[in-house]
Protein backbone atom coordinates (compact mmCIF):
# COMPACT_ATOMS: atom_id res chain seq x y z
CA MET A 1 18.95 -18.97 -28.61
CA LEU A 2 18.57 -22.59 -29.54
CA GLY A 3 19.79 -23.72 -32.91
CA TRP A 4 18.03 -26.24 -35.14
CA GLN A 5 20.32 -29.06 -33.93
CA GLU A 6 19.39 -28.50 -30.29
CA ILE A 7 15.71 -28.38 -31.15
CA ILE A 8 15.93 -31.69 -33.04
CA LEU A 9 17.76 -33.26 -30.08
CA ILE A 10 15.09 -32.06 -27.64
CA LEU A 11 12.29 -33.35 -29.89
CA ALA A 12 14.03 -36.74 -30.18
CA ILE A 13 14.30 -37.01 -26.40
CA LEU A 14 10.65 -36.01 -25.99
CA LEU A 15 9.67 -38.61 -28.59
CA LEU A 16 11.53 -41.30 -26.68
CA VAL A 17 10.15 -40.27 -23.28
CA PHE A 18 6.50 -39.60 -24.13
CA GLY A 19 5.95 -41.57 -27.33
CA PRO A 20 4.51 -40.44 -30.66
CA SER A 21 0.87 -40.34 -29.48
CA LYS A 22 1.49 -37.87 -26.65
CA LEU A 23 3.61 -35.32 -28.56
CA PRO A 24 0.67 -33.58 -30.32
CA GLU A 25 -1.14 -33.21 -26.99
CA ILE A 26 1.97 -31.77 -25.35
CA ALA A 27 2.48 -29.34 -28.24
CA LYS A 28 -1.17 -28.25 -28.03
CA GLU A 29 -0.94 -27.62 -24.27
CA LEU A 30 2.34 -25.78 -24.71
CA GLY A 31 0.73 -23.56 -27.37
CA LYS A 32 -2.17 -22.76 -25.05
CA ALA A 33 0.22 -21.89 -22.24
CA VAL A 34 2.24 -19.56 -24.48
CA LYS A 35 -0.98 -17.90 -25.71
CA GLU A 36 -2.22 -17.30 -22.15
CA PHE A 37 1.18 -15.98 -21.10
CA ARG A 38 1.25 -13.50 -23.99
CA LYS A 39 -2.30 -12.36 -23.27
CA ALA A 40 -1.50 -11.81 -19.60
CA SER A 41 1.74 -9.99 -20.31
CA GLU A 42 0.01 -7.69 -22.82
CA GLY A 43 -2.63 -6.84 -20.23
CA ILE A 44 -0.01 -6.06 -17.62
CA SER A 45 2.04 -3.92 -19.98
CA GLU A 46 -1.07 -1.97 -21.06
CA ALA A 47 -2.00 -1.36 -17.43
CA MET A 48 1.49 -0.16 -16.60
CA THR A 49 1.87 2.14 -19.60
CA ALA A 50 -1.52 3.85 -19.41
CA PRO A 51 -3.01 3.73 -15.90
CA ASP A 52 -4.62 7.16 -16.35
CA THR A 53 -6.72 6.02 -19.28
CA MET A 54 -8.56 3.38 -17.28
CA GLU A 55 -12.11 4.39 -16.58
CA ARG A 56 -13.48 4.45 -13.09
CA GLY A 57 -16.33 2.16 -12.18
CA SER A 58 -19.90 3.39 -12.29
CA ASP A 59 -20.25 2.80 -8.53
CA GLU A 60 -17.37 5.18 -7.87
CA LYS A 61 -18.82 7.78 -10.24
CA LYS A 62 -22.20 7.59 -8.51
CA ALA A 63 -20.65 7.82 -5.04
CA ILE A 64 -18.60 10.90 -5.96
CA SER A 65 -21.63 12.56 -7.54
CA ASP A 66 -23.75 11.82 -4.46
CA ILE A 67 -21.14 13.25 -2.10
CA ALA A 68 -20.79 16.38 -4.24
CA ALA A 69 -24.55 16.87 -4.27
CA LYS A 70 -24.75 16.51 -0.48
CA LEU A 71 -22.04 19.13 -0.09
CA GLY A 72 -23.84 21.51 -2.44
CA ILE A 73 -21.35 21.21 -5.29
CA THR A 74 -22.73 21.35 -8.83
CA THR A 75 -21.66 18.33 -10.88
CA GLU A 76 -22.62 19.43 -14.38
CA GLY A 77 -19.78 19.71 -16.86
CA LYS A 78 -17.11 18.60 -14.40
CA THR A 79 -14.78 15.64 -14.52
CA LEU A 80 -14.47 13.20 -11.64
CA ASP A 81 -11.04 14.59 -10.82
CA GLN A 82 -12.46 18.11 -10.60
CA LEU A 83 -15.29 16.89 -8.39
CA THR A 84 -12.96 15.05 -6.02
CA GLN A 85 -10.76 18.14 -5.75
CA GLU A 86 -13.77 20.34 -4.96
CA ILE A 87 -15.02 17.81 -2.41
CA ALA A 88 -11.62 17.75 -0.70
CA THR A 89 -11.50 21.56 -0.62
CA LYS A 90 -15.03 21.81 0.77
CA ILE A 91 -14.30 19.27 3.50
CA GLU A 92 -11.06 21.06 4.39
CA ASN A 93 -12.90 24.38 4.70
CA LYS A 94 -15.59 22.82 6.90
CA GLU A 95 -12.94 21.30 9.15
CA LYS A 96 -11.22 24.66 9.52
CA ALA A 97 -14.55 26.30 10.36
CA VAL A 98 -15.26 23.70 13.05
CA VAL A 99 -11.79 24.18 14.56
CA LYS A 100 -12.26 27.97 14.65
CA THR A 101 -15.67 27.58 16.28
CA VAL A 102 -14.31 25.24 18.94
CA GLN A 103 -11.34 27.53 19.60
CA SER A 104 -13.58 30.58 20.00
CA GLU A 105 -15.87 28.72 22.42
CA VAL A 106 -12.96 27.43 24.47
CA GLY A 107 -10.86 30.59 24.37
């Protein structure tokens, strides 16, 4: 950590290099940069700590509901995770049925 003496030395050097008129502008830009950095890091930490709480987009919800309806799965009172699981099971069962049909025709 920097002590107060180091901070005063850095400010004196900045004053000599940039002049007294530029220091407020530099401080303002530095403040904005720190604010943006904090906002971005908070967003990243929230996304990493709670990825399951993020909601799915409405396009994804509609697509899953449409697929379930086409496969004859009722969508009422079910979560998207339940629907996707049922869709996967239904597709798996249909694939197995097709394989059995092809095997019986060939064999």
